[in-house]
Amino acid sequence: MKKNLCIAAACVFALSPLFLSAQQGGVDVGMPGNLSEAGLKKLVDNPAVLSSKVEELPDDANKKSWFRLFCDTQTATAVPIGSIYAALNDFGSYAKNFSGVKSVKIIRTNAEGSVVEASAGRFGVNSRYVYLQTEPVKADDEHLVVRISIDTEGDGTMKNMDTRYYLKAVTIDGKPYTYLRCYDITDYMSQMWGQYTIMKSKNEGSHKDGLTDLINAAVKR
């Protein structure tokens, strides 16, 4: 939401009784097969972290320092999939709906999706990046939105961004809910002293907040 985001590679889909998933780049993003109805209940309006990692990277050729943030979060909500997907595609409202986005501008729309320029606020400092929002993989009861940053069009302070949302219709106590999972990995250039430390400490919280922001935006629709 952040953030945000582009697809340039084909998706290869794998389905099994234990793990409903979609694959790209060797990474599974989907519904964990061991997530029971009791487990889903605990996630309702309560985002949780599946895994996270923050690491410093080697300096680039220009002696600029980089670090990588990864976070895989999940939640469940009574908000329908359609409303959540609509909120994801409401680029014009990103700056209002997501605390991690300072401003947005739609550059163009083509067959692959909408190309959007976004400026990161808060912990992203002044990063400006361009991403492509794809159409949903499936238009019925599950979607996977894959987004990979277009580094050449941004300001070069963010790269290798890969943000994917997985949405799945589930049933809890006989009522319809949406399971929502976000897999996000992004490399950031260190633009100020202490940025790495701040973003490391806020990594999990900011990603959980991102899911909450998305659901709140969907509710308003």
Protein backbone atom coordinates (compact mmCIF):
# COMPACT_ATOMS: atom_id res chain seq x y z
CA MET A 1 0.00 0.00 0.00
CA LYS A 2 1.60 0.89 0.25
CA LYS A 3 2.42 0.92 -1.42
CA ASN A 4 2.62 -0.84 -4.36
CA LEU A 5 4.02 -2.16 -7.74
CA CYS A 6 4.20 -4.06 -11.26
CA ILE A 7 3.94 -7.40 -12.98
CA ALA A 8 6.26 -8.24 -15.80
CA ALA A 9 6.42 -12.00 -15.48
CA ALA A 10 3.90 -14.75 -16.10
CA CYS A 11 2.18 -16.46 -13.18
CA VAL A 12 2.22 -20.22 -12.80
CA PHE A 13 -0.61 -21.55 -10.68
CA ALA A 14 -0.54 -24.62 -8.47
CA LEU A 15 -3.53 -25.92 -6.56
CA SER A 16 -3.57 -28.73 -4.01
CA PRO A 17 -5.97 -29.82 -1.24
CA LEU A 18 -3.46 -28.68 1.38
CA PHE A 19 -2.39 -25.36 -0.06
CA LEU A 20 -4.48 -23.23 -2.40
CA SER A 21 -1.81 -21.04 -3.88
CA ALA A 22 -0.52 -19.02 -6.78
CA GLN A 23 3.15 -19.03 -7.62
CA GLN A 24 5.49 -16.55 -9.21
CA GLY A 25 9.23 -16.46 -8.81
CA GLY A 26 9.10 -19.61 -6.72
CA VAL A 27 7.15 -17.96 -3.89
CA ASP A 28 3.80 -19.31 -2.73
CA VAL A 29 1.16 -16.79 -1.76
CA GLY A 30 -2.14 -18.31 -0.85
CA MET A 31 -4.20 -20.00 1.80
CA PRO A 32 -2.14 -22.04 4.29
CA GLY A 33 -3.62 -25.52 4.32
CA ASN A 34 -3.35 -25.83 8.10
CA LEU A 35 -5.43 -22.71 8.79
CA SER A 36 -8.57 -24.04 10.49
CA GLU A 37 -11.88 -22.28 11.07
CA ALA A 38 -10.77 -21.69 14.65
CA GLY A 39 -7.60 -20.12 13.32
CA LEU A 40 -9.59 -17.91 10.96
CA LYS A 41 -11.74 -16.70 13.86
CA LYS A 42 -8.62 -15.41 15.61
CA LEU A 43 -7.69 -13.43 12.50
CA VAL A 44 -11.01 -11.58 12.10
CA ASP A 45 -10.13 -7.88 12.16
CA ASN A 46 -6.86 -8.91 13.81
CA PRO A 47 -3.91 -8.91 11.38
CA ALA A 48 -1.10 -11.31 12.25
CA VAL A 49 2.42 -11.78 10.93
CA LEU A 50 3.26 -15.10 9.31
CA SER A 51 6.93 -14.22 8.93
CA SER A 52 9.16 -11.18 8.60
CA LYS A 53 12.78 -10.26 8.04
CA VAL A 54 14.87 -7.12 7.86
CA GLU A 55 18.47 -7.15 6.64
CA GLU A 56 21.17 -4.74 5.55
CA LEU A 57 22.43 -5.21 2.00
CA PRO A 58 25.86 -4.54 0.48
CA ASP A 59 26.50 -0.99 -0.74
CA ASP A 60 25.84 -0.48 -4.43
CA ALA A 61 28.34 0.70 -7.05
CA ASN A 62 27.72 4.30 -6.00
CA LYS A 63 28.49 3.51 -2.35
CA LYS A 64 24.83 3.92 -1.41
CA SER A 65 23.59 1.84 1.51
CA TRP A 66 20.57 -0.43 1.07
CA PHE A 67 18.43 -2.61 3.29
CA ARG A 68 15.61 -5.09 2.65
CA LEU A 69 12.29 -5.39 4.43
CA PHE A 70 10.15 -8.50 4.11
CA CYS A 71 6.82 -9.17 5.78
CA ASP A 72 4.08 -11.74 5.19
CA THR A 73 0.83 -10.85 6.97
CA GLN A 74 -2.69 -12.24 7.08
CA THR A 75 -6.12 -11.36 8.43
CA ALA A 76 -9.81 -12.13 7.95
CA THR A 77 -12.72 -9.78 7.55
CA ALA A 78 -16.45 -9.74 6.88
CA VAL A 79 -15.84 -7.26 4.06
CA PRO A 80 -16.48 -8.94 0.67
CA ILE A 81 -13.65 -9.63 -1.74
CA GLY A 82 -15.14 -7.30 -4.34
CA SER A 83 -15.01 -4.31 -1.99
CA ILE A 84 -11.42 -5.02 -0.99
CA TYR A 85 -10.32 -5.39 -4.60
CA ALA A 86 -12.13 -2.17 -5.49
CA ALA A 87 -10.22 -0.38 -2.72
CA LEU A 88 -6.94 -1.78 -4.08
CA ASN A 89 -7.77 -0.30 -7.47
CA ASP A 90 -8.89 3.08 -6.16
CA PHE A 91 -5.47 4.63 -6.77
CA GLY A 92 -6.75 8.17 -6.43
CA SER A 93 -7.59 7.53 -2.78
CA TYR A 94 -4.33 5.82 -1.77
CA ALA A 95 -2.86 8.92 -0.14
CA LYS A 96 -6.03 9.34 1.89
CA ASN A 97 -6.50 5.68 2.77
CA PHE A 98 -2.97 4.42 3.40
CA SER A 99 -0.58 5.91 5.92
CA GLY A 100 2.40 4.62 3.92
CA VAL A 101 1.51 6.62 0.80
CA LYS A 102 2.04 10.36 0.53
CA SER A 103 0.74 11.02 -2.98
CA VAL A 104 -0.25 9.15 -6.14
CA LYS A 105 -0.62 9.87 -9.84
CA ILE A 106 -2.02 7.56 -12.50
CA ILE A 107 0.39 7.65 -15.44
CA ARG A 108 -1.31 5.33 -17.92
CA THR A 109 -3.46 2.23 -18.24
CA ASN A 110 -2.72 -0.59 -20.64
CA ALA A 111 -3.65 -4.22 -21.21
CA GLU A 112 -1.60 -5.36 -18.23
CA GLY A 113 -3.05 -2.91 -15.71
CA SER A 114 -2.68 0.63 -14.44
CA VAL A 115 0.76 2.22 -14.15
CA VAL A 116 0.80 4.43 -11.06
CA GLU A 117 3.41 6.76 -9.62
CA ALA A 118 3.43 6.91 -5.83
CA SER A 119 5.44 8.78 -3.22
CA ALA A 120 6.11 7.06 0.07
CA GLY A 121 5.60 9.02 3.23
CA ARG A 122 6.56 8.34 6.83
CA PHE A 123 9.27 5.69 6.97
CA GLY A 124 9.82 5.56 3.20
CA VAL A 125 11.10 9.12 3.54
CA ASN A 126 10.83 10.71 0.08
CA SER A 127 10.88 7.65 -2.15
CA ARG A 128 9.07 7.95 -5.48
CA TYR A 129 8.33 4.76 -7.31
CA VAL A 130 6.22 3.58 -10.25
CA TYR A 131 4.28 0.35 -10.24
CA LEU A 132 1.81 -1.63 -12.31
CA GLN A 133 -1.37 -2.92 -10.69
CA THR A 134 -2.52 -6.10 -12.43
CA GLU A 135 -5.99 -7.46 -12.88
CA PRO A 136 -7.08 -10.26 -10.52
CA VAL A 137 -5.92 -13.74 -11.43
CA LYS A 138 -9.44 -15.09 -10.92
CA ALA A 139 -12.63 -13.12 -10.88
CA ASP A 140 -14.75 -15.42 -8.75
CA ASP A 141 -13.85 -16.31 -5.17
CA GLU A 142 -10.08 -15.79 -5.04
CA HIS A 143 -7.69 -13.24 -6.44
CA LEU A 144 -3.97 -12.74 -6.49
CA VAL A 145 -2.69 -9.27 -7.25
CA VAL A 146 1.02 -9.25 -8.12
CA ARG A 147 2.96 -6.00 -8.14
CA ILE A 148 6.65 -5.43 -8.89
CA SER A 149 8.22 -1.96 -8.94
CA ILE A 150 9.47 -0.42 -12.18
CA ASP A 151 12.78 0.91 -10.92
CA THR A 152 13.74 2.80 -14.08
CA GLU A 153 10.79 5.19 -13.79
CA GLY A 154 11.13 5.94 -10.09
CA ASP A 155 13.73 7.98 -8.25
CA GLY A 156 15.96 5.00 -7.50
CA THR A 157 15.44 5.01 -3.73
CA MET A 158 13.32 1.83 -3.82
CA LYS A 159 13.81 -1.30 -5.92
CA ASN A 160 12.96 -4.99 -6.18
CA MET A 161 9.53 -4.36 -4.70
CA ASP A 162 7.25 -7.39 -4.91
CA THR A 163 3.89 -6.96 -3.20
CA ARG A 164 1.16 -9.58 -3.63
CA TYR A 165 -2.31 -9.79 -2.19
CA TYR A 166 -4.20 -13.06 -1.93
CA LEU A 167 -7.94 -12.94 -1.24
CA LYS A 168 -10.04 -16.04 -0.59
CA ALA A 169 -13.71 -16.43 0.27
CA VAL A 170 -14.07 -18.47 3.48
CA THR A 171 -16.87 -19.42 5.86
CA ILE A 172 -16.77 -18.81 9.61
CA ASP A 173 -19.69 -19.98 11.74
CA GLY A 174 -21.73 -20.36 8.60
CA LYS A 175 -21.18 -16.76 7.50
CA PRO A 176 -19.12 -15.43 4.57
CA TYR A 177 -15.74 -13.85 5.27
CA THR A 178 -12.66 -12.94 3.29
CA TYR A 179 -9.21 -14.28 4.07
CA LEU A 180 -6.62 -11.66 3.13
CA ARG A 181 -2.89 -12.20 2.90
CA CYS A 182 -0.18 -9.76 1.85
CA TYR A 183 3.36 -10.80 0.91
CA ASP A 184 5.70 -7.85 0.58
CA ILE A 185 9.43 -7.52 -0.01
CA THR A 186 11.14 -4.22 -0.85
CA ASP A 187 14.69 -2.85 -0.96
CA TYR A 188 15.17 0.69 0.37
CA MET A 189 18.06 3.09 -0.02
CA SER A 190 19.15 4.53 3.32
CA GLN A 191 18.40 8.24 2.90
CA MET A 192 18.92 9.44 6.44
CA TRP A 193 20.66 8.41 9.65
CA GLY A 194 18.57 5.94 11.63
CA GLN A 195 16.18 5.05 8.80
CA TYR A 196 17.17 1.38 8.89
CA THR A 197 16.66 1.16 12.65
CA ILE A 198 13.29 2.92 12.50
CA MET A 199 11.95 0.84 9.63
CA LYS A 200 13.25 -2.37 11.20
CA SER A 201 11.35 -1.66 14.43
CA LYS A 202 8.19 -0.66 12.53
CA ASN A 203 8.27 -3.40 9.90
CA GLU A 204 5.66 -5.77 11.31
CA GLY A 205 3.43 -3.06 12.74
CA SER A 206 3.34 -1.03 9.53
CA HIS A 207 2.41 -4.09 7.45
CA LYS A 208 -0.39 -5.04 9.83
CA ASP A 209 -1.56 -1.44 9.71
CA GLY A 210 -1.54 -1.67 5.92
CA LEU A 211 -4.05 -4.53 5.97
CA THR A 212 -6.21 -2.61 8.43
CA ASP A 213 -6.03 0.48 6.21
CA LEU A 214 -7.10 -1.59 3.22
CA ILE A 215 -10.08 -3.10 5.01
CA ASN A 216 -11.16 0.29 6.36
CA ALA A 217 -10.95 1.75 2.86
CA ALA A 218 -13.09 -1.13 1.56
CA VAL A 219 -15.72 -0.54 4.25
CA LYS A 220 -16.14 3.06 3.12
CA ARG A 221 -16.97 2.07 -0.44
